[in-house]
Amino acid sequence: MSVKNLILPDTYLNKLDILETEVAIKLVKDTFERELADALSLTRVSAPLFVRPETGLNDDLNGVERPVQFDIRELGADVQIVHSLAKWKRMALRRYGFAPGTGLYADMNAIRRDEDLDNLHSVYVDQWDWEKVIDRDHRNLDYLRETVLSIVSALRKTQSVLSLQYPVLDHLIDSDVYFISSQELADRYPGLTPHEREDRIAKEKGIVFVTQIGCKLRDGKPHDGRAPDYDDWRLNGDILVWYPVLNRAVEISSMGIRVDEKSLSAQLKEAGCEERRNLDFHKRLLAGELPLTMGGGIGQSRICMLLLQKAHIGEVQASVWSEEMIDTCEANGIHLL
């Protein structure tokens, strides 16, 4: 584990001590969870920590990350720690009988063993994973934008509650959301890498939603990788917030309208993953047995980090870091939990 990618702010001021931070984390999580559920008409449900590989329910993320896998003696079979609940949620919506316009959310805890660890990335991942049933006429960018605005509104309300308790904290979630497609972003900044483009537009606009992630741009490359079997690549996106503490954009949510039968078939073919058609989840979706949905993941630690103005995700979650990372952070006033 290296600290080469670690950002060490020159004038970092830790505005809350460790105990205050722990209390504030609970306030942020309790408030945002409630506001999110109210904004999107969501009901909290229990969710799995691991799934059977043969179900096809695990999220493949960018397609190269290795899941943590272990055997269960009683089953005589292996299971995998989830990467996210993107597919499981859709199955659960059908099983629980949610109506259009309503949905579920869950506390998702995962282990991503192949993460490159830095200020924003940890092996331990915690998200609010949410999913709701939609009608077919809501499978469009306008409805996606409307949902993004609802999520950002919930975040602003959480920030307001937090500032009453801790007035020392600045307001970072104040600008309007700027919407731009990944192709428009590439056209605007053709000489920059995708991450550099995100930094540039986020610094300029404050809060940005970059749409259409996963499909190939005109140069033949996608803006970023996305598994082909949950988001519809033309109806998804990432919420980015400019974060002056680290002088960079921070992604707080990846979300989108999910694939239907047509887009799943096309994306599996484009990604060279047509063998997944034989997995249980994919068979049901292609047969039209699963509801049309939209959903996403919202990083719990990322939200806490932003609103509490911390320089490292390890200041708001307990994970595992190298001694070099711990010592370097401590020498720069960054106290990892």
Protein backbone atom coordinates (compact mmCIF):
# COMPACT_ATOMS: atom_id res chain seq x y z
CA MET A 1 0.00 0.00 0.00
CA SER A 2 1.50 3.32 -1.10
CA VAL A 3 0.84 6.92 -0.13
CA LYS A 4 1.82 8.23 -3.57
CA ASN A 5 -1.80 9.18 -4.34
CA LEU A 6 -2.47 10.67 -0.91
CA ILE A 7 -3.55 14.33 -0.96
CA LEU A 8 -2.19 16.32 2.00
CA PRO A 9 -3.85 19.77 2.17
CA ASP A 10 -1.42 22.55 3.05
CA THR A 11 -3.75 24.27 5.52
CA TYR A 12 -5.97 21.45 6.76
CA LEU A 13 -8.02 22.34 9.84
CA ASN A 14 -9.79 19.45 11.56
CA LYS A 15 -12.90 21.28 12.75
CA LEU A 16 -14.24 18.46 14.95
CA ASP A 17 -12.30 16.25 17.35
CA ILE A 18 -12.67 12.46 17.22
CA LEU A 19 -15.57 12.22 19.70
CA GLU A 20 -17.42 15.15 18.11
CA THR A 21 -16.85 13.49 14.75
CA GLU A 22 -18.47 10.23 15.88
CA VAL A 23 -21.54 12.07 17.19
CA ALA A 24 -21.76 14.13 13.99
CA ILE A 25 -21.51 11.01 11.81
CA LYS A 26 -24.65 9.61 13.43
CA LEU A 27 -26.48 12.91 12.99
CA VAL A 28 -25.58 13.00 9.29
CA LYS A 29 -26.57 9.38 8.66
CA ASP A 30 -29.83 9.53 10.59
CA THR A 31 -30.88 12.81 8.96
CA PHE A 32 -29.94 11.99 5.38
CA GLU A 33 -31.47 8.53 5.54
CA ARG A 34 -34.77 10.01 6.67
CA GLU A 35 -34.72 12.81 4.10
CA LEU A 36 -33.80 10.43 1.27
CA ALA A 37 -36.60 8.01 2.16
CA ASP A 38 -39.14 10.86 2.26
CA ALA A 39 -37.94 12.40 -1.02
CA LEU A 40 -38.04 9.16 -3.03
CA SER A 41 -40.84 7.26 -1.21
CA LEU A 42 -38.52 4.50 0.01
CA THR A 43 -38.93 1.86 2.73
CA ARG A 44 -35.93 0.47 4.57
CA VAL A 45 -35.34 -3.29 4.17
CA SER A 46 -32.75 -5.80 5.31
CA ALA A 47 -30.13 -6.74 2.75
CA PRO A 48 -27.55 -9.52 2.27
CA LEU A 49 -23.85 -9.21 2.97
CA PHE A 50 -23.07 -12.10 0.59
CA VAL A 51 -24.75 -13.93 -2.31
CA ARG A 52 -24.30 -17.17 -4.25
CA PRO A 53 -22.11 -16.60 -7.36
CA GLU A 54 -24.33 -18.64 -9.67
CA THR A 55 -27.29 -16.29 -9.14
CA GLY A 56 -25.60 -13.47 -11.06
CA LEU A 57 -26.71 -11.05 -8.36
CA ASN A 58 -23.30 -9.63 -7.48
CA ASP A 59 -22.33 -6.31 -9.02
CA ASP A 60 -19.35 -6.64 -11.37
CA LEU A 61 -18.49 -2.92 -11.04
CA ASN A 62 -15.96 -2.25 -13.82
CA GLY A 63 -15.67 -5.95 -14.60
CA VAL A 64 -12.15 -6.50 -13.28
CA GLU A 65 -12.54 -6.32 -9.47
CA ARG A 66 -12.25 -9.65 -7.62
CA PRO A 67 -15.02 -10.38 -5.11
CA VAL A 68 -14.14 -11.76 -1.69
CA GLN A 69 -15.26 -15.38 -1.80
CA PHE A 70 -15.45 -18.04 0.91
CA ASP A 71 -17.13 -21.36 1.51
CA ILE A 72 -19.95 -22.11 3.93
CA ARG A 73 -19.53 -25.56 5.43
CA GLU A 74 -23.24 -26.22 5.91
CA LEU A 75 -24.02 -25.35 2.29
CA GLY A 76 -21.05 -27.10 0.78
CA ALA A 77 -20.79 -24.12 -1.56
CA ASP A 78 -19.05 -20.77 -1.99
CA VAL A 79 -20.57 -17.33 -1.51
CA GLN A 80 -19.32 -13.85 -2.42
CA ILE A 81 -19.31 -10.63 -0.42
CA VAL A 82 -21.44 -8.18 -2.39
CA HIS A 83 -19.83 -5.31 -4.28
CA SER A 84 -23.18 -3.56 -4.29
CA LEU A 85 -26.85 -4.53 -4.27
CA ALA A 86 -27.73 -3.22 -7.74
CA LYS A 87 -29.28 -6.48 -8.97
CA TRP A 88 -30.49 -7.90 -5.67
CA LYS A 89 -32.65 -4.82 -5.09
CA ARG A 90 -34.55 -5.36 -8.31
CA MET A 91 -35.36 -8.91 -7.36
CA ALA A 92 -36.46 -7.71 -3.92
CA LEU A 93 -38.81 -5.09 -5.40
CA ARG A 94 -40.63 -7.83 -7.28
CA ARG A 95 -40.72 -10.17 -4.30
CA TYR A 96 -42.05 -7.51 -1.91
CA GLY A 97 -44.62 -6.21 -4.40
CA PHE A 98 -43.67 -2.52 -4.46
CA ALA A 99 -45.92 -0.31 -6.60
CA PRO A 100 -44.65 2.16 -9.23
CA GLY A 101 -43.33 5.32 -7.60
CA THR A 102 -42.24 3.51 -4.43
CA GLY A 103 -39.16 1.54 -3.52
CA LEU A 104 -36.65 0.38 -0.97
CA TYR A 105 -33.31 1.29 0.49
CA ALA A 106 -30.80 -0.66 2.55
CA ASP A 107 -27.56 -0.19 4.42
CA MET A 108 -25.02 -1.86 2.15
CA ASN A 109 -21.67 -2.92 3.58
CA ALA A 110 -19.08 -4.42 1.27
CA ILE A 111 -15.42 -5.31 0.89
CA ARG A 112 -13.68 -4.22 -2.30
CA ARG A 113 -10.30 -5.89 -2.08
CA ASP A 114 -8.86 -4.35 -5.25
CA GLU A 115 -9.42 -0.69 -4.40
CA ASP A 116 -6.44 1.66 -4.72
CA LEU A 117 -6.48 3.24 -1.28
CA ASP A 118 -6.28 7.01 -0.94
CA ASN A 119 -8.23 9.92 0.57
CA LEU A 120 -11.51 8.74 -0.98
CA HIS A 121 -11.15 4.98 -1.34
CA SER A 122 -11.21 2.26 1.31
CA VAL A 123 -11.43 -1.51 1.23
CA TYR A 124 -14.55 -1.11 3.37
CA VAL A 125 -17.54 0.35 1.51
CA ASP A 126 -20.77 1.61 3.07
CA GLN A 127 -23.65 2.90 0.97
CA TRP A 128 -27.32 3.64 1.05
CA ASP A 129 -28.36 1.36 -1.78
CA TRP A 130 -31.81 2.37 -3.07
CA GLU A 131 -34.14 1.20 -5.83
CA LYS A 132 -37.68 2.11 -6.86
CA VAL A 133 -40.23 0.83 -9.36
CA ILE A 134 -40.99 3.14 -12.29
CA ASP A 135 -43.41 3.16 -15.21
CA ARG A 136 -42.06 2.76 -18.73
CA ASP A 137 -42.84 6.39 -19.58
CA HIS A 138 -40.40 7.41 -16.80
CA ARG A 139 -37.47 5.77 -18.57
CA ASN A 140 -36.09 9.11 -19.75
CA LEU A 141 -33.49 11.74 -18.85
CA ASP A 142 -36.09 14.20 -17.51
CA TYR A 143 -37.19 11.78 -14.80
CA LEU A 144 -33.56 10.96 -14.03
CA ARG A 145 -32.80 14.68 -13.58
CA GLU A 146 -35.84 15.12 -11.33
CA THR A 147 -34.60 12.32 -9.08
CA VAL A 148 -31.09 13.78 -8.92
CA LEU A 149 -32.55 17.10 -7.74
CA SER A 150 -34.51 15.28 -5.02
CA ILE A 151 -31.34 13.58 -3.74
CA VAL A 152 -29.38 16.84 -3.69
CA SER A 153 -32.28 18.51 -1.87
CA ALA A 154 -32.10 15.80 0.82
CA LEU A 155 -28.37 16.48 1.09
CA ARG A 156 -28.95 20.23 1.52
CA LYS A 157 -31.49 19.61 4.27
CA THR A 158 -28.99 17.36 6.04
CA GLN A 159 -26.34 20.07 5.75
CA SER A 160 -28.74 22.59 7.33
CA VAL A 161 -29.47 20.32 10.30
CA LEU A 162 -25.77 19.68 10.78
CA SER A 163 -24.84 23.38 10.66
CA LEU A 164 -27.25 24.16 13.48
CA GLN A 165 -25.39 21.69 15.69
CA TYR A 166 -21.92 22.55 14.38
CA PRO A 167 -21.85 26.16 13.08
CA VAL A 168 -18.08 25.89 12.55
CA LEU A 169 -18.75 23.79 9.43
CA ASP A 170 -19.04 25.52 6.05
CA HIS A 171 -21.89 25.03 3.57
CA LEU A 172 -20.53 23.16 0.54
CA ILE A 173 -23.84 22.00 -0.99
CA ASP A 174 -25.28 25.34 -2.11
CA SER A 175 -25.00 25.62 -5.89
CA ASP A 176 -27.56 24.40 -8.43
CA VAL A 177 -26.97 21.04 -10.11
CA TYR A 178 -25.38 21.32 -13.55
CA PHE A 179 -26.26 18.53 -15.99
CA ILE A 180 -23.90 17.47 -18.78
CA SER A 181 -23.41 14.29 -20.80
CA SER A 182 -20.08 12.48 -20.89
CA GLN A 183 -19.81 13.26 -24.62
CA GLU A 184 -20.49 16.97 -24.06
CA LEU A 185 -17.86 16.93 -21.34
CA ALA A 186 -15.32 15.33 -23.67
CA ASP A 187 -16.14 17.87 -26.39
CA ARG A 188 -15.65 20.73 -23.94
CA TYR A 189 -12.28 19.51 -22.64
CA PRO A 190 -10.83 17.30 -25.41
CA GLY A 191 -7.26 17.46 -24.13
CA LEU A 192 -8.07 16.21 -20.61
CA THR A 193 -8.55 12.74 -19.16
CA PRO A 194 -12.05 11.81 -17.92
CA HIS A 195 -11.09 12.46 -14.28
CA GLU A 196 -9.50 15.79 -15.20
CA ARG A 197 -12.69 16.74 -17.04
CA GLU A 198 -14.72 15.94 -13.93
CA ASP A 199 -12.46 18.11 -11.78
CA ARG A 200 -12.65 21.00 -14.24
CA ILE A 201 -16.44 21.02 -14.59
CA ALA A 202 -17.05 20.45 -10.87
CA LYS A 203 -14.76 23.34 -9.90
CA GLU A 204 -16.59 25.56 -12.36
CA LYS A 205 -20.15 24.55 -11.45
CA GLY A 206 -20.03 23.25 -7.84
CA ILE A 207 -22.41 20.29 -8.19
CA VAL A 208 -22.54 18.32 -11.44
CA PHE A 209 -24.41 15.31 -12.77
CA VAL A 210 -22.50 13.64 -15.61
CA THR A 211 -24.84 11.45 -17.66
CA GLN A 212 -24.42 8.50 -20.03
CA ILE A 213 -21.52 6.65 -18.43
CA GLY A 214 -20.50 3.25 -19.81
CA CYS A 215 -21.31 3.69 -23.49
CA LYS A 216 -18.50 4.45 -25.92
CA LEU A 217 -17.81 8.07 -26.81
CA ARG A 218 -16.92 9.20 -30.31
CA ASP A 219 -13.26 8.37 -29.65
CA GLY A 220 -14.28 4.74 -29.07
CA LYS A 221 -13.69 4.79 -25.30
CA PRO A 222 -16.23 5.13 -22.47
CA HIS A 223 -15.97 8.01 -19.99
CA ASP A 224 -15.74 5.36 -17.26
CA GLY A 225 -16.46 1.67 -16.89
CA ARG A 226 -19.89 0.35 -15.94
CA ALA A 227 -21.13 -3.22 -15.78
CA PRO A 228 -23.53 -3.87 -18.68
CA ASP A 229 -26.33 -5.49 -16.70
CA TYR A 230 -27.76 -2.95 -14.27
CA ASP A 231 -27.67 0.69 -15.50
CA ASP A 232 -28.92 1.64 -18.93
CA TRP A 233 -25.76 3.39 -20.14
CA ARG A 234 -27.80 6.12 -21.85
CA LEU A 235 -29.93 6.82 -18.77
CA ASN A 236 -27.43 6.89 -15.89
CA GLY A 237 -24.84 9.16 -14.32
CA ASP A 238 -22.71 10.27 -11.37
CA ILE A 239 -23.28 13.11 -8.91
CA LEU A 240 -20.05 15.06 -8.41
CA VAL A 241 -19.35 17.77 -5.81
CA TRP A 242 -16.41 20.15 -5.91
CA TYR A 243 -14.51 19.66 -2.65
CA PRO A 244 -12.16 22.51 -1.76
CA VAL A 245 -10.58 20.59 1.13
CA LEU A 246 -8.92 18.26 -1.40
CA ASN A 247 -9.15 20.60 -4.38
CA ARG A 248 -10.90 17.99 -6.52
CA ALA A 249 -14.30 16.60 -7.49
CA VAL A 250 -15.80 13.93 -5.25
CA GLU A 251 -18.34 11.43 -6.57
CA ILE A 252 -21.07 10.87 -3.99
CA SER A 253 -23.45 8.74 -6.02
CA SER A 254 -23.59 6.51 -9.08
CA MET A 255 -27.17 5.96 -10.19
CA GLY A 256 -29.47 5.48 -13.12
CA ILE A 257 -32.50 4.00 -14.76
CA ARG A 258 -31.93 0.28 -15.00
CA VAL A 259 -31.72 -1.86 -18.11
CA ASP A 260 -34.88 -3.26 -19.65
CA GLU A 261 -34.94 -6.32 -21.88
CA LYS A 262 -33.80 -4.40 -24.97
CA SER A 263 -30.95 -2.42 -23.40
CA LEU A 264 -29.69 -5.42 -21.41
CA SER A 265 -29.44 -7.51 -24.57
CA ALA A 266 -27.63 -4.73 -26.44
CA GLN A 267 -25.20 -3.95 -23.62
CA LEU A 268 -24.30 -7.58 -22.96
CA LYS A 269 -23.45 -7.88 -26.64
CA GLU A 270 -21.42 -4.65 -26.69
CA ALA A 271 -19.48 -5.69 -23.58
CA GLY A 272 -18.86 -9.23 -24.84
CA CYS A 273 -20.71 -10.74 -21.88
CA GLU A 274 -23.54 -12.61 -23.59
CA GLU A 275 -22.85 -15.72 -21.51
CA ARG A 276 -24.55 -13.92 -18.61
CA ARG A 277 -27.88 -14.52 -20.33
CA ASN A 278 -27.82 -17.95 -18.69
CA LEU A 279 -27.69 -16.56 -15.11
CA ASP A 280 -30.92 -16.54 -13.12
CA PHE A 281 -31.18 -12.75 -12.76
CA HIS A 282 -30.57 -12.16 -16.45
CA LYS A 283 -33.01 -14.86 -17.54
CA ARG A 284 -35.77 -13.29 -15.47
CA LEU A 285 -35.06 -9.81 -16.74
CA LEU A 286 -34.93 -10.87 -20.38
CA ALA A 287 -38.22 -12.73 -19.89
CA GLY A 288 -39.87 -9.55 -18.60
CA GLU A 289 -40.40 -10.98 -15.11
CA LEU A 290 -38.74 -8.10 -13.21
CA PRO A 291 -40.16 -4.59 -12.73
CA LEU A 292 -38.78 -1.54 -14.49
CA THR A 293 -36.69 0.33 -11.95
CA MET A 294 -34.19 3.04 -11.24
CA GLY A 295 -31.72 3.18 -8.38
CA GLY A 296 -28.24 3.83 -7.16
CA GLY A 297 -25.75 3.87 -4.36
CA ILE A 298 -24.95 6.88 -2.19
CA GLY A 299 -21.70 6.69 -0.25
CA GLN A 300 -22.30 7.03 3.47
CA SER A 301 -18.69 7.75 4.35
CA ARG A 302 -18.34 10.06 1.36
CA ILE A 303 -21.34 12.12 2.52
CA CYS A 304 -19.98 12.26 6.07
CA MET A 305 -16.53 13.21 4.83
CA LEU A 306 -17.90 16.08 2.74
CA LEU A 307 -20.30 17.51 5.28
CA LEU A 308 -17.80 17.22 8.16
CA GLN A 309 -15.04 18.61 5.89
CA LYS A 310 -12.54 15.83 6.50
CA ALA A 311 -9.44 15.26 4.41
CA HIS A 312 -9.54 11.43 4.45
CA ILE A 313 -12.31 8.87 4.39
CA GLY A 314 -10.54 7.08 7.26
CA GLU A 315 -11.56 9.99 9.50
CA VAL A 316 -15.22 8.94 9.27
CA GLN A 317 -14.97 5.13 9.04
CA ALA A 318 -12.91 2.43 10.70
CA SER A 319 -10.94 0.48 8.09
CA VAL A 320 -7.46 -0.92 7.55
CA TRP A 321 -4.53 1.21 6.36
CA SER A 322 -0.79 0.76 6.03
CA GLU A 323 1.45 2.06 8.78
CA GLU A 324 2.90 4.46 6.22
CA MET A 325 -0.57 5.85 5.50
CA ILE A 326 -1.41 6.16 9.20
CA ASP A 327 1.90 7.85 10.09
CA THR A 328 1.78 10.26 7.15
CA CYS A 329 -1.79 11.27 7.92
CA GLU A 330 -1.07 11.74 11.64
CA ALA A 331 1.92 13.96 10.86
CA ASN A 332 -0.38 16.18 8.82
CA GLY A 333 -3.20 16.50 11.35
CA ILE A 334 -5.37 13.80 9.78
CA HIS A 335 -6.50 11.38 12.50
CA LEU A 336 -7.72 8.06 11.09
CA LEU A 337 -10.26 6.12 13.14
